[in-house]
Protein backbone atom coordinates (compact mmCIF):
# COMPACT_ATOMS: atom_id res chain seq x y z
CA MET A 1 -23.93 -51.75 -76.23
CA ALA A 2 -25.68 -53.92 -73.71
CA SER A 3 -24.30 -54.29 -70.21
CA THR A 4 -22.48 -57.53 -69.46
CA THR A 5 -24.48 -58.17 -66.29
CA THR A 6 -28.13 -59.09 -66.72
CA ALA A 7 -30.86 -60.54 -64.58
CA GLU A 8 -29.94 -63.98 -65.91
CA THR A 9 -26.39 -63.79 -64.49
CA ASP A 10 -27.35 -61.96 -61.30
CA PRO A 11 -30.62 -63.27 -59.85
CA SER A 12 -30.71 -60.50 -57.25
CA LYS A 13 -31.45 -58.02 -60.05
CA THR A 14 -34.94 -57.47 -61.35
CA VAL A 15 -36.22 -55.40 -64.25
CA VAL A 16 -38.02 -52.33 -62.92
CA GLU A 17 -38.70 -50.67 -66.28
CA GLU A 18 -38.46 -51.80 -69.88
CA VAL A 19 -38.83 -50.02 -73.20
CA THR A 20 -39.61 -52.90 -75.53
CA GLY A 21 -36.64 -53.75 -77.69
CA TRP A 22 -34.55 -50.78 -76.61
CA LEU A 23 -33.81 -50.54 -72.89
CA ARG A 24 -34.07 -52.31 -69.53
CA LEU A 25 -33.59 -50.60 -66.19
CA TYR A 26 -32.70 -52.93 -63.31
CA SER A 27 -33.33 -52.74 -59.59
CA ASP A 28 -29.67 -51.93 -58.87
CA GLY A 29 -29.81 -48.90 -61.19
CA SER A 30 -27.88 -50.53 -64.03
CA VAL A 31 -29.13 -50.10 -67.58
CA GLU A 32 -29.08 -52.52 -70.49
CA ARG A 33 -29.43 -50.93 -73.92
CA LEU A 34 -30.71 -53.21 -76.65
CA THR A 35 -31.23 -53.26 -80.39
CA PRO A 36 -34.66 -54.42 -81.56
CA PRO A 37 -34.93 -56.76 -84.55
CA GLY A 38 -34.62 -54.79 -87.75
CA ALA A 39 -32.73 -51.90 -86.20
CA GLU A 40 -29.26 -53.48 -86.35
CA PRO A 41 -28.12 -51.67 -89.54
CA PHE A 42 -29.12 -48.33 -88.03
CA THR A 43 -27.35 -48.84 -84.70
CA ALA A 44 -24.12 -50.13 -86.27
CA ILE A 45 -21.15 -48.02 -85.19
CA VAL A 46 -19.36 -46.09 -87.93
CA GLN A 47 -15.73 -45.56 -86.96
CA PRO A 48 -14.07 -42.20 -87.67
CA TYR A 49 -11.95 -41.96 -90.82
CA THR A 50 -9.36 -39.53 -92.15
CA GLU A 51 -9.40 -40.58 -95.82
CA PRO A 52 -12.27 -38.75 -97.50
CA ARG A 53 -15.40 -40.68 -98.40
CA SER A 54 -17.81 -38.84 -100.69
CA GLY A 55 -15.94 -35.65 -99.86
CA VAL A 56 -16.08 -35.93 -96.05
CA THR A 57 -13.81 -37.03 -93.21
CA VAL A 58 -14.99 -37.93 -89.70
CA HIS A 59 -13.07 -37.25 -86.48
CA ASP A 60 -13.88 -38.05 -82.84
CA ILE A 61 -12.54 -35.41 -80.46
CA THR A 62 -12.27 -35.31 -76.69
CA THR A 63 -12.59 -31.69 -75.68
CA ALA A 64 -11.32 -30.06 -72.50
CA ARG A 65 -14.92 -29.02 -71.77
CA GLY A 66 -15.90 -32.47 -70.50
CA VAL A 67 -17.77 -33.45 -73.64
CA ASP A 68 -16.80 -35.56 -76.65
CA VAL A 69 -17.82 -34.60 -80.17
CA ARG A 70 -17.82 -36.11 -83.63
CA LEU A 71 -16.62 -33.68 -86.29
CA TYR A 72 -17.64 -33.99 -89.94
CA LEU A 73 -15.30 -32.02 -92.21
CA PRO A 74 -15.62 -31.47 -95.97
CA GLU A 75 -12.51 -32.06 -98.05
CA PRO A 76 -10.19 -29.04 -98.22
CA ALA A 77 -10.88 -26.85 -101.21
CA ALA A 78 -8.22 -26.39 -103.87
CA ALA A 79 -8.61 -22.64 -103.50
CA PRO A 80 -9.48 -20.65 -100.35
CA ARG A 81 -13.20 -20.37 -99.71
CA ARG A 82 -15.17 -17.79 -97.82
CA ARG A 83 -15.86 -18.68 -94.22
CA ARG A 84 -18.89 -20.90 -93.87
CA PRO A 85 -21.39 -21.70 -91.10
CA VAL A 86 -21.07 -24.46 -88.52
CA LEU A 87 -23.81 -26.85 -87.38
CA LEU A 88 -23.88 -28.15 -83.81
CA HIS A 89 -25.90 -31.38 -83.76
CA PHE A 90 -27.80 -33.09 -80.94
CA HIS A 91 -28.89 -36.68 -81.54
CA GLY A 92 -32.26 -38.11 -80.56
CA GLY A 93 -33.26 -41.16 -78.54
CA GLY A 94 -35.62 -39.75 -75.94
CA PHE A 95 -32.61 -38.55 -73.89
CA CYS A 96 -31.90 -42.25 -73.16
CA LEU A 97 -30.66 -43.89 -76.38
CA SER A 98 -28.33 -43.66 -79.37
CA ARG A 99 -24.90 -42.25 -80.18
CA PRO A 100 -23.67 -39.86 -82.89
CA SER A 101 -21.56 -42.73 -84.25
CA TRP A 102 -24.64 -44.78 -85.22
CA ALA A 103 -25.06 -45.34 -88.96
CA LEU A 104 -28.53 -43.81 -88.50
CA TYR A 105 -26.91 -40.39 -88.06
CA HIS A 106 -23.69 -40.85 -90.01
CA ASN A 107 -25.40 -41.63 -93.32
CA PHE A 108 -27.44 -38.42 -93.12
CA TYR A 109 -25.04 -35.94 -91.52
CA ALA A 110 -22.02 -36.93 -93.61
CA GLN A 111 -23.93 -36.09 -96.78
CA LEU A 112 -25.42 -32.98 -95.18
CA THR A 113 -21.88 -31.68 -94.61
CA THR A 114 -21.34 -31.34 -98.35
CA LYS A 115 -24.89 -30.52 -99.43
CA LEU A 116 -25.11 -27.49 -97.10
CA GLU A 117 -21.61 -26.19 -97.86
CA VAL A 118 -20.74 -25.77 -94.19
CA ALA A 119 -17.31 -25.58 -92.58
CA GLY A 120 -18.24 -28.63 -90.53
CA ILE A 121 -20.88 -30.38 -88.46
CA VAL A 122 -20.14 -31.03 -84.78
CA SER A 123 -22.22 -33.83 -83.25
CA VAL A 124 -22.24 -34.10 -79.46
CA PHE A 125 -21.92 -37.38 -77.55
CA LEU A 126 -24.69 -36.62 -75.10
CA PRO A 127 -24.86 -38.11 -71.59
CA LEU A 128 -27.71 -40.61 -71.51
CA ALA A 129 -30.54 -40.99 -69.03
CA PRO A 130 -31.63 -42.53 -66.72
CA GLU A 131 -28.01 -42.54 -65.51
CA HIS A 132 -27.77 -38.86 -66.46
CA ARG A 133 -31.20 -37.25 -66.49
CA LEU A 134 -31.91 -33.76 -67.74
CA PRO A 135 -30.48 -31.18 -67.45
CA ALA A 136 -27.27 -33.20 -68.09
CA ALA A 137 -27.77 -33.19 -71.88
CA ILE A 138 -28.48 -29.44 -71.84
CA ASP A 139 -25.26 -28.84 -69.93
CA ALA A 140 -23.37 -30.98 -72.45
CA GLY A 141 -24.83 -28.97 -75.32
CA HIS A 142 -23.75 -25.73 -73.67
CA ALA A 143 -20.30 -27.19 -73.03
CA ALA A 144 -20.03 -27.92 -76.76
CA LEU A 145 -20.87 -24.27 -77.46
CA LEU A 146 -18.11 -23.23 -75.06
CA TRP A 147 -15.74 -25.55 -76.91
CA LEU A 148 -16.65 -23.83 -80.19
CA ARG A 149 -15.88 -20.54 -78.45
CA ASP A 150 -12.47 -21.94 -77.48
CA VAL A 151 -11.88 -23.01 -81.08
CA ALA A 152 -12.83 -19.56 -82.34
CA CYS A 153 -10.33 -18.07 -79.88
CA ASN A 154 -7.59 -20.53 -80.95
CA LYS A 155 -7.69 -22.51 -77.72
CA ASP A 156 -8.65 -26.05 -76.82
CA GLY A 157 -10.18 -24.99 -73.52
CA ASN A 158 -7.14 -26.10 -71.51
CA ASN A 159 -4.72 -23.38 -70.39
CA GLY A 160 -4.74 -21.72 -73.77
CA ALA A 161 -3.08 -24.62 -75.58
CA HIS A 162 -3.27 -24.52 -79.37
CA LEU A 163 -5.57 -26.69 -81.42
CA ASP A 164 -4.77 -29.93 -83.17
CA PRO A 165 -4.59 -29.73 -87.00
CA THR A 166 -8.08 -31.15 -87.56
CA VAL A 167 -9.72 -28.57 -85.33
CA GLU A 168 -7.49 -25.86 -86.79
CA ARG A 169 -9.13 -26.53 -90.14
CA LEU A 170 -12.54 -25.95 -88.60
CA ARG A 171 -11.31 -22.73 -86.99
CA ASP A 172 -9.77 -21.44 -90.22
CA GLU A 173 -12.86 -22.12 -92.36
CA ALA A 174 -15.72 -21.44 -89.93
CA ASP A 175 -17.82 -18.32 -89.59
CA PHE A 176 -18.45 -18.46 -85.85
CA SER A 177 -21.05 -15.73 -86.14
CA ARG A 178 -23.19 -18.27 -88.01
CA VAL A 179 -23.48 -21.29 -85.73
CA PHE A 180 -26.72 -23.25 -86.13
CA LEU A 181 -28.08 -25.75 -83.64
CA ILE A 182 -29.71 -28.80 -85.23
CA GLY A 183 -31.33 -31.79 -83.56
CA ASP A 184 -33.44 -34.84 -84.29
CA SER A 185 -36.40 -35.89 -82.10
CA SER A 186 -35.40 -35.24 -78.47
CA GLY A 187 -32.35 -33.53 -79.94
CA GLY A 188 -34.82 -31.01 -81.36
CA ASN A 189 -35.94 -30.27 -77.80
CA LEU A 190 -32.26 -29.70 -76.98
CA VAL A 191 -31.99 -27.15 -79.78
CA HIS A 192 -34.64 -25.14 -77.94
CA LEU A 193 -33.24 -25.82 -74.46
CA VAL A 194 -29.59 -25.11 -75.29
CA ALA A 195 -30.54 -21.92 -77.13
CA ALA A 196 -32.55 -20.89 -74.05
CA HIS A 197 -29.55 -21.63 -71.80
CA ALA A 198 -27.36 -19.38 -73.93
CA GLY A 199 -30.12 -16.79 -74.24
CA LYS A 200 -30.26 -16.19 -70.50
CA ASP A 201 -27.38 -13.75 -70.89
CA ASP A 202 -28.12 -12.77 -74.50
CA MET A 203 -25.48 -15.35 -75.46
CA GLY A 204 -22.64 -13.28 -74.02
CA SER A 205 -21.20 -16.41 -72.41
CA VAL A 206 -20.37 -17.91 -75.80
CA HIS A 207 -19.11 -14.77 -77.59
CA PRO A 208 -17.65 -14.59 -80.25
CA VAL A 209 -19.83 -17.57 -81.16
CA ARG A 210 -23.26 -16.37 -82.27
CA LEU A 211 -26.30 -18.59 -82.63
CA ALA A 212 -27.68 -17.70 -86.04
CA GLY A 213 -30.54 -20.20 -85.91
CA GLY A 214 -31.99 -23.43 -84.60
CA ILE A 215 -33.27 -26.36 -86.67
CA LEU A 216 -35.70 -28.68 -84.89
CA LEU A 217 -36.22 -31.89 -86.86
CA HIS A 218 -39.33 -33.70 -85.61
CA PRO A 219 -38.74 -32.59 -82.00
CA GLY A 220 -39.95 -34.70 -79.09
CA PHE A 221 -42.54 -32.33 -77.65
CA ALA A 222 -45.37 -34.02 -75.75
CA ALA A 223 -47.70 -33.35 -72.82
CA GLU A 224 -49.35 -35.57 -70.25
CA GLU A 225 -52.66 -35.41 -72.14
CA LYS A 226 -52.08 -37.30 -75.36
CA SER A 227 -52.61 -35.46 -78.60
CA ARG A 228 -54.77 -36.70 -81.45
CA SER A 229 -51.70 -37.55 -83.54
CA GLU A 230 -50.29 -39.72 -80.73
CA LEU A 231 -53.54 -41.67 -80.61
CA GLU A 232 -54.23 -41.91 -84.35
CA ASN A 233 -50.96 -41.85 -86.31
CA PRO A 234 -49.24 -45.21 -86.84
CA PRO A 235 -46.18 -46.19 -84.78
CA SER A 236 -42.83 -46.96 -86.41
CA LEU A 237 -39.60 -48.74 -85.54
CA PHE A 238 -38.21 -45.47 -84.22
CA LEU A 239 -41.23 -44.15 -82.31
CA THR A 240 -44.13 -45.77 -80.47
CA GLU A 241 -46.46 -44.51 -77.76
CA GLU A 242 -44.55 -46.63 -75.27
CA MET A 243 -41.26 -44.97 -76.27
CA VAL A 244 -42.75 -41.50 -75.90
CA ASP A 245 -44.08 -42.26 -72.43
CA LYS A 246 -41.29 -44.36 -70.97
CA LEU A 247 -38.20 -42.74 -72.47
CA LEU A 248 -39.34 -39.27 -71.48
CA ALA A 249 -40.20 -40.49 -67.97
CA LEU A 250 -36.65 -41.85 -67.67
CA GLY A 251 -35.05 -38.79 -69.24
CA LEU A 252 -36.78 -36.01 -67.33
CA PRO A 253 -35.61 -34.98 -63.85
CA VAL A 254 -36.98 -37.11 -61.02
CA GLY A 255 -40.44 -35.86 -60.05
CA VAL A 256 -40.96 -33.99 -63.34
CA ASN A 257 -43.49 -35.11 -65.94
CA LYS A 258 -44.18 -34.13 -69.55
CA ASP A 259 -46.08 -31.03 -68.43
CA SER A 260 -42.81 -29.15 -68.02
CA PRO A 261 -40.74 -26.74 -70.15
CA TYR A 262 -38.54 -29.66 -71.22
CA THR A 263 -41.25 -31.28 -73.33
CA SER A 264 -44.56 -29.39 -73.16
CA PRO A 265 -44.79 -27.25 -76.32
CA VAL A 266 -46.73 -24.48 -74.59
CA LEU A 267 -44.60 -24.39 -71.44
CA ALA A 268 -41.39 -24.54 -73.48
CA ALA A 269 -42.45 -21.42 -75.37
CA GLU A 270 -43.64 -19.60 -72.25
CA ALA A 271 -40.31 -20.27 -70.52
CA VAL A 272 -38.38 -18.35 -73.20
CA SER A 273 -40.81 -15.47 -73.70
CA ARG A 274 -38.36 -12.98 -72.18
CA LEU A 275 -35.15 -14.58 -73.50
CA HIS A 276 -33.19 -13.87 -76.62
CA MET A 277 -33.80 -16.80 -78.98
CA PRO A 278 -32.45 -17.22 -82.51
CA PRO A 279 -34.82 -17.77 -85.44
CA MET A 280 -36.02 -21.37 -85.59
CA LEU A 281 -36.88 -23.77 -88.39
CA LEU A 282 -39.36 -26.43 -87.28
CA MET A 283 -39.64 -29.53 -89.48
CA VAL A 284 -42.74 -31.71 -88.99
CA ALA A 285 -43.82 -34.98 -90.64
CA GLU A 286 -47.51 -35.45 -91.37
CA GLN A 287 -47.65 -39.02 -90.00
CA ASP A 288 -45.41 -38.42 -86.98
CA LEU A 289 -46.94 -39.49 -83.67
CA LEU A 290 -45.81 -36.12 -82.31
CA HIS A 291 -47.09 -34.06 -85.24
CA ASP A 292 -49.69 -32.17 -83.20
CA PRO A 293 -47.49 -31.07 -80.27
CA GLN A 294 -44.78 -30.09 -82.75
CA VAL A 295 -47.19 -27.81 -84.60
CA GLU A 296 -48.43 -26.51 -81.25
CA TYR A 297 -44.83 -25.59 -80.33
CA GLY A 298 -44.48 -23.47 -83.44
CA GLU A 299 -47.77 -21.70 -82.71
CA ALA A 300 -46.86 -21.14 -79.05
CA MET A 301 -43.46 -19.71 -79.97
CA ALA A 302 -45.11 -17.34 -82.44
CA ARG A 303 -47.46 -16.13 -79.67
CA ALA A 304 -44.37 -15.55 -77.52
CA GLY A 305 -42.98 -13.29 -80.22
CA LYS A 306 -40.31 -15.69 -81.47
CA MET A 307 -39.38 -16.30 -85.09
CA VAL A 308 -40.34 -19.86 -86.07
CA ALA A 309 -40.86 -21.13 -89.61
CA THR A 310 -42.78 -24.42 -89.72
CA ALA A 311 -42.48 -26.78 -92.68
CA VAL A 312 -44.58 -29.95 -92.91
CA SER A 313 -43.51 -32.99 -94.93
CA ARG A 314 -46.77 -34.23 -96.46
CA GLY A 315 -47.86 -37.78 -97.11
CA ALA A 316 -47.03 -41.12 -95.55
CA VAL A 317 -43.78 -40.11 -93.87
CA ALA A 318 -43.28 -40.55 -90.14
CA HIS A 319 -40.88 -39.63 -87.34
CA ILE A 320 -37.27 -39.06 -88.52
CA PHE A 321 -38.05 -40.64 -91.90
CA TYR A 322 -34.99 -38.94 -93.45
CA LEU A 323 -32.68 -41.00 -91.18
CA ASN A 324 -34.08 -44.30 -92.52
CA PHE A 325 -31.49 -44.71 -95.27
CA PHE A 326 -33.12 -47.88 -96.60
CA ALA A 327 -36.41 -46.03 -97.14
CA VAL A 328 -34.61 -43.03 -98.65
CA GLU A 329 -32.92 -45.38 -101.15
CA SER A 330 -35.97 -47.51 -102.00
CA ASP A 331 -39.12 -45.41 -101.54
CA PRO A 332 -39.66 -42.52 -103.98
CA LEU A 333 -41.84 -40.53 -101.57
CA THR A 334 -39.34 -40.78 -98.71
CA ALA A 335 -36.52 -39.84 -101.08
CA GLU A 336 -38.41 -36.81 -102.37
CA ARG A 337 -39.43 -35.63 -98.90
CA THR A 338 -35.81 -36.01 -97.73
CA ARG A 339 -34.59 -33.87 -100.65
CA GLU A 340 -37.21 -31.27 -99.76
CA LEU A 341 -36.17 -31.34 -96.09
CA ILE A 342 -32.51 -30.78 -96.99
CA ASP A 343 -33.42 -27.98 -99.40
CA THR A 344 -35.52 -26.31 -96.68
CA ILE A 345 -32.62 -26.50 -94.22
CA LYS A 346 -30.25 -25.07 -96.83
CA THR A 347 -32.60 -22.17 -97.59
CA PHE A 348 -32.98 -21.41 -93.88
CA ILE A 349 -29.22 -21.36 -93.32
CA ASN A 350 -28.60 -19.19 -96.39
CA ARG A 351 -31.15 -16.64 -95.08
CA HIS A 352 -29.48 -16.35 -91.69
């Protein structure tokens, strides 16, 4: 994952910004992405596979919409099933890090594919900042929605050509009137931002795809003035104050700070006050550094007249705890809160 050229091999390069353990930005604009000690199992790449494992296959697809996606498909049923919803997933990483192929995401979203009884989960390979600052990831998310529209219309987005067999299965089993956006951390921000992009024309641009809901899992909302939770809640491997400050500074457009609709909970809600937005499920962890701005987002959206259900995971669980598969396997509280989180998502989808 790291670039082959570093300051050691090219003395003319200097480090101009560093996110400890995760990223270095050099004076020539090149970026080196790192893996901090202890994170190696989570950043390991899981290759796609066509032989089912625990009832799921995984397929990497290059779409004609300029975006690549990872598709999780449940095993075919012995008998025809009713059409089922589709989840469109945006990964986290402060707009700067991670891939859908990381074990961090695979271990959770592969099992979610069967536990939610969906037709499939589509995870987007997002363009990463600082090479591709916002709104690049928003545009990629919208492009993935347009690809789903192409699938629904039996096209691959390229001159009306027909779909490959894997994508045909998604088309044949999906209810495209029940597409849900779901995202972790900064991917939760993208749930809001991509829904807003589609909502600018009441989602006519993606018809017959209909956004039935958005699921924001510990979204990366923050403002320039630090919240109490940022100052008092403990950091974790996956989120520190430094990561909040530096990753967002690198991910936002040049000249834009956290007091913008991309990350400010209040400004994000105000920006969509006159837009059509689907109902939202907001998941918050009690010990998350970003707990307070997440709760503030839900309150601000309610004031703007939007439907947002907020669920808080209580106890000593922190940012994206459900993706820490070691903790889920070994810690009873994390395991129980993860089961509750999945049940809450399932209930939300079944209601919409």
